C-alpha atoms as a PDB file:
ATOM      1  CA  MET A   1       0.000   0.000   0.000  1.00  0.00           C
ATOM      2  CA  ALA A   2       1.318   3.442  -0.909  1.00  0.00           C
ATOM      3  CA  ILE A   3       2.335   5.774   1.891  1.00  0.00           C
ATOM      4  CA  ASN A   4       0.902   9.297   1.736  1.00  0.00           C
ATOM      5  CA  PRO A   5       2.489  12.243   3.558  1.00  0.00           C
ATOM      6  CA  ALA A   6      -0.783  13.710   4.865  1.00  0.00           C
ATOM      7  CA  PRO A   7      -4.554  13.163   4.585  1.00  0.00           C
ATOM      8  CA  ASP A   8      -6.606  15.105   2.029  1.00  0.00           C
ATOM      9  CA  TYR A   9      -9.044  16.749   4.432  1.00  0.00           C
ATOM     10  CA  ASP A  10     -10.984  18.486   1.655  1.00  0.00           C
ATOM     11  CA  ASN A  11     -12.243  15.085   0.530  1.00  0.00           C
ATOM     12  CA  ILE A  12     -12.947  13.283   3.801  1.00  0.00           C
ATOM     13  CA  GLY A  13     -15.234  15.836   5.538  1.00  0.00           C
ATOM     14  CA  ILE A  14     -18.311  14.090   6.930  1.00  0.00           C
ATOM     15  CA  LYS A  15     -16.614  10.672   6.899  1.00  0.00           C
ATOM     16  CA  TYR A  16     -14.010  12.115   9.259  1.00  0.00           C
ATOM     17  CA  GLU A  17     -16.753  13.539  11.477  1.00  0.00           C
ATOM     18  CA  HIS A  18     -18.619  10.239  11.651  1.00  0.00           C
ATOM     19  CA  THR A  19     -15.394   8.565  12.753  1.00  0.00           C
ATOM     20  CA  PHE A  20     -14.191  10.988  15.404  1.00  0.00           C
ATOM     21  CA  ALA A  21     -17.120  13.162  16.533  1.00  0.00           C
ATOM     22  CA  HIS A  22     -18.399  10.416  18.854  1.00  0.00           C
ATOM     23  CA  ASP A  23     -15.002   9.468  20.284  1.00  0.00           C
ATOM     24  CA  LYS A  24     -15.803   9.162  24.009  1.00  0.00           C
ATOM     25  CA  GLY A  25     -12.218   9.806  25.063  1.00  0.00           C
ATOM     26  CA  LEU A  26     -12.114  13.021  23.051  1.00  0.00           C
ATOM     27  CA  LEU A  27     -15.509  14.188  24.253  1.00  0.00           C
ATOM     28  CA  ASN A  28     -14.468  13.617  27.855  1.00  0.00           C
ATOM     29  CA  PHE A  29     -11.196  15.508  27.283  1.00  0.00           C
ATOM     30  CA  VAL A  30     -13.014  18.521  25.821  1.00  0.00           C
ATOM     31  CA  LYS A  31     -15.618  18.650  28.577  1.00  0.00           C
ATOM     32  CA  THR A  32     -13.036  18.213  31.357  1.00  0.00           C
ATOM     33  CA  SER A  33     -10.824  20.885  29.788  1.00  0.00           C
ATOM     34  CA  LEU A  34     -13.689  23.387  29.672  1.00  0.00           C
ATOM     35  CA  GLU A  35     -14.106  23.006  33.433  1.00  0.00           C
ATOM     36  CA  LEU A  36     -10.711  24.707  33.797  1.00  0.00           C
ATOM     37  CA  LEU A  37     -11.901  27.850  32.014  1.00  0.00           C
ATOM     38  CA  PRO A  38     -14.029  30.803  33.141  1.00  0.00           C
ATOM     39  CA  PRO A  39     -17.577  30.967  31.720  1.00  0.00           C
ATOM     40  CA  ASP A  40     -16.691  33.925  29.500  1.00  0.00           C
ATOM     41  CA  ALA A  41     -13.455  32.408  28.149  1.00  0.00           C
ATOM     42  CA  SER A  42     -12.362  32.888  24.555  1.00  0.00           C
ATOM     43  CA  VAL A  43     -11.226  29.633  22.967  1.00  0.00           C
ATOM     44  CA  LEU A  44      -9.257  28.927  19.786  1.00  0.00           C
ATOM     45  CA  ASP A  45      -9.801  25.657  17.895  1.00  0.00           C
ATOM     46  CA  ILE A  46      -6.607  25.020  15.904  1.00  0.00           C
ATOM     47  CA  GLY A  47      -7.519  22.833  12.956  1.00  0.00           C
ATOM     48  CA  SER A  48     -11.264  22.964  13.593  1.00  0.00           C
ATOM     49  CA  GLY A  49     -12.158  20.254  11.062  1.00  0.00           C
ATOM     50  CA  THR A  50     -15.916  19.874  10.688  1.00  0.00           C
ATOM     51  CA  GLY A  51     -16.570  21.737  13.933  1.00  0.00           C
ATOM     52  CA  LYS A  52     -17.493  18.556  15.799  1.00  0.00           C
ATOM     53  CA  PRO A  53     -16.941  17.698  18.535  1.00  0.00           C
ATOM     54  CA  VAL A  54     -14.591  20.448  19.738  1.00  0.00           C
ATOM     55  CA  SER A  55     -16.004  23.729  18.403  1.00  0.00           C
ATOM     56  CA  ASP A  56     -19.649  22.834  18.935  1.00  0.00           C
ATOM     57  CA  THR A  57     -18.974  21.682  22.509  1.00  0.00           C
ATOM     58  CA  VAL A  58     -17.192  24.959  23.288  1.00  0.00           C
ATOM     59  CA  VAL A  59     -20.065  27.008  21.827  1.00  0.00           C
ATOM     60  CA  ALA A  60     -22.657  24.917  23.680  1.00  0.00           C
ATOM     61  CA  SER A  61     -20.842  25.758  26.925  1.00  0.00           C
ATOM     62  CA  GLY A  62     -21.467  29.467  26.280  1.00  0.00           C
ATOM     63  CA  ARG A  63     -17.844  30.353  25.595  1.00  0.00           C
ATOM     64  CA  LYS A  64     -16.565  32.361  22.639  1.00  0.00           C
ATOM     65  CA  LEU A  65     -15.126  30.160  19.886  1.00  0.00           C
ATOM     66  CA  TYR A  66     -12.750  31.043  17.051  1.00  0.00           C
ATOM     67  CA  GLY A  67     -11.758  28.237  14.718  1.00  0.00           C
ATOM     68  CA  ILE A  68      -9.075  28.041  12.039  1.00  0.00           C
ATOM     69  CA  ASP A  69      -8.444  25.432   9.357  1.00  0.00           C
ATOM     70  CA  LEU A  70      -6.552  25.110   6.079  1.00  0.00           C
ATOM     71  CA  SER A  71      -9.317  23.142   4.315  1.00  0.00           C
ATOM     72  CA  PRO A  72     -12.086  25.137   2.529  1.00  0.00           C
ATOM     73  CA  ALA A  73     -14.399  22.108   2.776  1.00  0.00           C
ATOM     74  CA  MET A  74     -13.878  21.830   6.530  1.00  0.00           C
ATOM     75  CA  ILE A  75     -14.419  25.558   7.110  1.00  0.00           C
ATOM     76  CA  GLU A  76     -17.659  25.393   5.111  1.00  0.00           C
ATOM     77  CA  LEU A  77     -18.866  22.531   7.309  1.00  0.00           C
ATOM     78  CA  CYS A  78     -17.885  24.430  10.469  1.00  0.00           C
ATOM     79  CA  ARG A  79     -19.868  27.485   9.477  1.00  0.00           C
ATOM     80  CA  LYS A  80     -22.953  25.371   8.731  1.00  0.00           C
ATOM     81  CA  GLN A  81     -22.735  23.126  11.774  1.00  0.00           C
ATOM     82  CA  VAL A  82     -21.497  25.586  14.413  1.00  0.00           C
ATOM     83  CA  PRO A  83     -23.153  28.932  13.570  1.00  0.00           C
ATOM     84  CA  GLY A  84     -22.314  30.243  17.032  1.00  0.00           C
ATOM     85  CA  GLY A  85     -18.581  30.150  16.290  1.00  0.00           C
ATOM     86  CA  THR A  86     -16.352  32.296  14.105  1.00  0.00           C
ATOM     87  CA  PHE A  87     -14.172  30.481  11.573  1.00  0.00           C
ATOM     88  CA  GLU A  88     -11.283  31.547   9.383  1.00  0.00           C
ATOM     89  CA  LEU A  89      -9.743  29.782   6.389  1.00  0.00           C
ATOM     90  CA  VAL A  90      -6.006  30.113   6.995  1.00  0.00           C
ATOM     91  CA  ASN A  91      -2.765  28.167   7.130  1.00  0.00           C
ATOM     92  CA  ILE A  92      -2.167  27.553  10.838  1.00  0.00           C
ATOM     93  CA  LEU A  93       1.455  28.646  10.500  1.00  0.00           C
ATOM     94  CA  GLU A  94       0.350  31.967   8.986  1.00  0.00           C
ATOM     95  CA  PHE A  95      -2.465  32.782  11.443  1.00  0.00           C
ATOM     96  CA  THR A  96      -2.172  36.086  13.310  1.00  0.00           C
ATOM     97  CA  PRO A  97      -4.972  36.625  15.851  1.00  0.00           C
ATOM     98  CA  LYS A  98      -6.153  40.086  16.805  1.00  0.00           C
ATOM     99  CA  GLU A  99      -6.188  39.151  20.479  1.00  0.00           C
ATOM    100  CA  GLN A 100      -4.979  36.429  22.809  1.00  0.00           C
ATOM    101  CA  PHE A 101      -7.169  33.528  23.916  1.00  0.00           C
ATOM    102  CA  ASN A 102      -7.839  32.007  27.333  1.00  0.00           C
ATOM    103  CA  ALA A 103      -7.283  28.567  25.854  1.00  0.00           C
ATOM    104  CA  ALA A 104      -6.585  26.751  22.617  1.00  0.00           C
ATOM    105  CA  PHE A 105      -7.432  23.232  21.500  1.00  0.00           C
ATOM    106  CA  ALA A 106      -5.116  21.516  19.018  1.00  0.00           C
ATOM    107  CA  VAL A 107      -6.821  18.169  18.505  1.00  0.00           C
ATOM    108  CA  PHE A 108      -5.381  15.735  15.945  1.00  0.00           C
ATOM    109  CA  SER A 109      -4.412  18.683  13.757  1.00  0.00           C
ATOM    110  CA  MET A 110      -0.616  18.658  14.045  1.00  0.00           C
ATOM    111  CA  PHE A 111       0.178  15.558  11.992  1.00  0.00           C
ATOM    112  CA  GLY A 112       2.191  16.103   8.824  1.00  0.00           C
ATOM    113  CA  PHE A 113       4.315  18.931  10.242  1.00  0.00           C
ATOM    114  CA  THR A 114       8.107  18.826  10.215  1.00  0.00           C
ATOM    115  CA  ARG A 115       9.982  19.208  13.475  1.00  0.00           C
ATOM    116  CA  GLU A 116      11.052  22.690  12.429  1.00  0.00           C
ATOM    117  CA  GLU A 117       7.428  23.627  11.776  1.00  0.00           C
ATOM    118  CA  MET A 118       6.417  22.207  15.160  1.00  0.00           C
ATOM    119  CA  ASN A 119       9.022  24.391  16.860  1.00  0.00           C
ATOM    120  CA  GLU A 120       7.549  27.413  15.083  1.00  0.00           C
ATOM    121  CA  MET A 121       4.028  26.273  15.947  1.00  0.00           C
ATOM    122  CA  ALA A 122       4.894  25.983  19.632  1.00  0.00           C
ATOM    123  CA  ARG A 123       6.231  29.551  19.666  1.00  0.00           C
ATOM    124  CA  LYS A 124       2.987  30.733  18.113  1.00  0.00           C
ATOM    125  CA  TRP A 125       0.920  28.872  20.717  1.00  0.00           C
ATOM    126  CA  SER A 126       2.751  30.795  23.413  1.00  0.00           C
ATOM    127  CA  GLU A 127       1.969  34.088  21.655  1.00  0.00           C
ATOM    128  CA  TRP A 128      -1.702  33.230  21.152  1.00  0.00           C
ATOM    129  CA  ILE A 129      -2.571  32.274  24.743  1.00  0.00           C
ATOM    130  CA  VAL A 130      -2.829  34.615  27.743  1.00  0.00           C
ATOM    131  CA  PRO A 131      -0.572  34.090  30.784  1.00  0.00           C
ATOM    132  CA  GLY A 132      -2.198  31.441  32.946  1.00  0.00           C
ATOM    133  CA  GLY A 133      -4.202  30.128  29.984  1.00  0.00           C
ATOM    134  CA  TYR A 134      -4.347  26.572  28.709  1.00  0.00           C
ATOM    135  CA  LEU A 135      -3.130  24.647  25.686  1.00  0.00           C
ATOM    136  CA  LEU A 136      -5.177  21.469  25.190  1.00  0.00           C
ATOM    137  CA  ILE A 137      -3.680  18.925  22.818  1.00  0.00           C
ATOM    138  CA  GLY A 138      -4.978  15.703  21.313  1.00  0.00           C
ATOM    139  CA  THR A 139      -2.278  13.736  19.501  1.00  0.00           C
ATOM    140  CA  MET A 140      -0.476  10.401  19.441  1.00  0.00           C
ATOM    141  CA  ALA A 141       2.877   9.770  21.089  1.00  0.00           C
ATOM    142  CA  ALA A 142       5.750   7.818  19.579  1.00  0.00           C
ATOM    143  CA  ASP A 143       6.042   5.804  22.807  1.00  0.00           C
ATOM    144  CA  ASP A 144       2.743   4.072  22.037  1.00  0.00           C
ATOM    145  CA  PHE A 145       3.954   2.678  18.692  1.00  0.00           C
ATOM    146  CA  PRO A 146       6.654   0.113  17.917  1.00  0.00           C
ATOM    147  CA  THR A 147       9.729   2.098  16.886  1.00  0.00           C
ATOM    148  CA  LYS A 148      13.264   1.181  15.872  1.00  0.00           C
ATOM    149  CA  PRO A 149      16.348   3.150  16.979  1.00  0.00           C
ATOM    150  CA  HIS A 150      16.970   4.585  13.504  1.00  0.00           C
ATOM    151  CA  MET A 151      13.523   6.251  13.555  1.00  0.00           C
ATOM    152  CA  LEU A 152      14.362   8.412  16.564  1.00  0.00           C
ATOM    153  CA  ASP A 153      16.104  11.774  16.373  1.00  0.00           C
ATOM    154  CA  GLU A 154      19.463  11.939  18.129  1.00  0.00           C
ATOM    155  CA  ASP A 155      17.923  13.558  21.213  1.00  0.00           C
ATOM    156  CA  GLY A 156      15.224  10.879  21.406  1.00  0.00           C
ATOM    157  CA  LEU A 157      12.418  13.461  21.532  1.00  0.00           C
ATOM    158  CA  CYS A 158      10.613  12.449  18.346  1.00  0.00           C
ATOM    159  CA  ALA A 159      10.424   9.601  15.842  1.00  0.00           C
ATOM    160  CA  ARG A 160       9.891   9.738  12.098  1.00  0.00           C
ATOM    161  CA  GLY A 161       8.133   7.451   9.662  1.00  0.00           C
ATOM    162  CA  ILE A 162       5.643   5.992  12.131  1.00  0.00           C
ATOM    163  CA  GLU A 163       3.031   4.326   9.952  1.00  0.00           C
ATOM    164  CA  HIS A 164      -0.675   3.707  10.422  1.00  0.00           C
ATOM    165  CA  THR A 165      -3.747   3.457   8.208  1.00  0.00           C
ATOM    166  CA  PHE A 166      -6.041   6.493   8.157  1.00  0.00           C
ATOM    167  CA  MET A 167      -9.194   6.637   6.049  1.00  0.00           C
ATOM    168  CA  GLY A 168      -7.972   3.802   3.873  1.00  0.00           C
ATOM    169  CA  LYS A 169      -4.542   5.295   3.212  1.00  0.00           C
ATOM    170  CA  ARG A 170      -1.196   4.422   4.711  1.00  0.00           C
ATOM    171  CA  ILE A 171       0.241   7.487   6.480  1.00  0.00           C
ATOM    172  CA  ALA A 172       3.776   8.014   7.782  1.00  0.00           C
ATOM    173  CA  ASN A 173       3.982  10.552  10.620  1.00  0.00           C
ATOM    174  CA  LEU A 174       6.547  12.362  12.700  1.00  0.00           C
ATOM    175  CA  LEU A 175       5.460  11.871  16.313  1.00  0.00           C
ATOM    176  CA  TYR A 176       6.947  13.324  19.479  1.00  0.00           C
ATOM    177  CA  THR A 177       7.656  11.111  22.443  1.00  0.00           C
ATOM    178  CA  LYS A 178       5.894  11.969  25.691  1.00  0.00           C
ATOM    179  CA  LYS A 179       9.158  13.434  26.967  1.00  0.00           C
ATOM    180  CA  GLY A 180       9.454  15.281  23.662  1.00  0.00           C
ATOM    181  CA  TRP A 181       6.080  16.955  24.079  1.00  0.00           C
ATOM    182  CA  GLU A 182       6.997  18.060  27.602  1.00  0.00           C
ATOM    183  CA  SER A 183      10.311  19.465  26.348  1.00  0.00           C
ATOM    184  CA  LEU A 184       8.729  21.265  23.366  1.00  0.00           C
ATOM    185  CA  LEU A 185       6.104  22.941  25.521  1.00  0.00           C
ATOM    186  CA  ARG A 186       8.463  23.808  28.369  1.00  0.00           C
ATOM    187  CA  GLU A 187      10.752  25.635  25.931  1.00  0.00           C
ATOM    188  CA  VAL A 188       7.949  28.095  25.094  1.00  0.00           C
ATOM    189  CA  GLY A 189       6.661  28.656  28.622  1.00  0.00           C
ATOM    190  CA  PHE A 190       4.096  25.897  29.204  1.00  0.00           C
ATOM    191  CA  GLU A 191       3.940  23.429  32.078  1.00  0.00           C
ATOM    192  CA  VAL A 192       2.323  20.069  31.358  1.00  0.00           C
ATOM    193  CA  VAL A 193      -0.186  19.616  34.183  1.00  0.00           C
ATOM    194  CA  GLY A 194      -1.963  16.484  32.955  1.00  0.00           C
ATOM    195  CA  THR A 195      -1.697  13.681  30.394  1.00  0.00           C
ATOM    196  CA  GLU A 196      -3.766  10.639  29.505  1.00  0.00           C
ATOM    197  CA  MET A 197      -3.560   7.923  26.856  1.00  0.00           C
ATOM    198  CA  VAL A 198      -6.972   6.659  25.770  1.00  0.00           C
ATOM    199  CA  PRO A 199      -7.155   3.869  23.151  1.00  0.00           C
ATOM    200  CA  PHE A 200      -9.611   4.581  20.345  1.00  0.00           C
ATOM    201  CA  GLN A 201     -11.141   1.955  18.071  1.00  0.00           C
ATOM    202  CA  PRO A 202     -12.653   3.571  14.957  1.00  0.00           C
ATOM    203  CA  PRO A 203     -15.676   1.951  13.295  1.00  0.00           C
ATOM    204  CA  ALA A 204     -14.777  -0.563  10.593  1.00  0.00           C
ATOM    205  CA  GLU A 205     -16.169   1.635   7.795  1.00  0.00           C
ATOM    206  CA  ALA A 206     -13.647   4.358   8.683  1.00  0.00           C
ATOM    207  CA  GLU A 207     -10.785   2.204   7.364  1.00  0.00           C
ATOM    208  CA  CYS A 208      -8.508   3.322  10.182  1.00  0.00           C
ATOM    209  CA  ASP A 209      -6.147   1.475  12.493  1.00  0.00           C
ATOM    210  CA  ASN A 210      -6.817   1.574  16.216  1.00  0.00           C
ATOM    211  CA  GLU A 211      -5.249   4.733  17.634  1.00  0.00           C
ATOM    212  CA  PRO A 212      -3.586   5.409  21.014  1.00  0.00           C
ATOM    213  CA  HIS A 213      -4.884   8.930  21.597  1.00  0.00           C
ATOM    214  CA  TYR A 214      -2.674  10.990  23.885  1.00  0.00           C
ATOM    215  CA  TYR A 215      -4.194  14.023  25.589  1.00  0.00           C
ATOM    216  CA  ILE A 216      -2.087  16.822  27.063  1.00  0.00           C
ATOM    217  CA  THR A 217      -3.198  19.654  29.325  1.00  0.00           C
ATOM    218  CA  ALA A 218      -0.579  22.416  29.535  1.00  0.00           C
ATOM    219  CA  ARG A 219      -0.740  25.745  31.362  1.00  0.00           C
ATOM    220  CA  LYS A 220       1.137  28.854  30.284  1.00  0.00           C
ATOM    221  CA  ALA A 221       3.193  30.509  32.996  1.00  0.00           C
ATOM    222  CA  SER A 222       1.498  33.511  34.601  1.00  0.00           C
END
């Protein structure tokens, strides 16, 4: 099976939503994360996808939601499905907000980035979030996959070429280790205050491998 560098999100839209919008581990992470925020918090959804379940859960809680995504198809779905949010079509690496946010979710939206781009992304996260605010990440960690020594960077903080099947296509990702995530975030002023790995089994029709979802709650220094 051919290995693709990144999914084509313009073409998977609702299929992606049907796979992940009812992920109990993700739903629990979003709801628990919102309990950390004031009722009038402003929240950024980085890579908002179809708007479900992150953006719509934030809006339903009464908080202000701003979502960004690179895919025109995903942004169109967001605007239809989460009319209470504000959404912008933009490359995440080129986004410049007009104000800082109390919190930001980055849920399964950082795959396909190089390590250099992730370093830049982390610096931007620090700029986008107010002191004392939260960065809430859903990802997968290299530790939860079989890896060989040659796949790891010299510092052991991330691994390259980690393969899994996503929406019927074989994907090869760069994934940080759990220690790598802590190091990346610490460098830009965040303290990891909670982590959890929750296995996720997609429905058969999704054509996806089982995924070890890794959730990170990080707080920016005051």
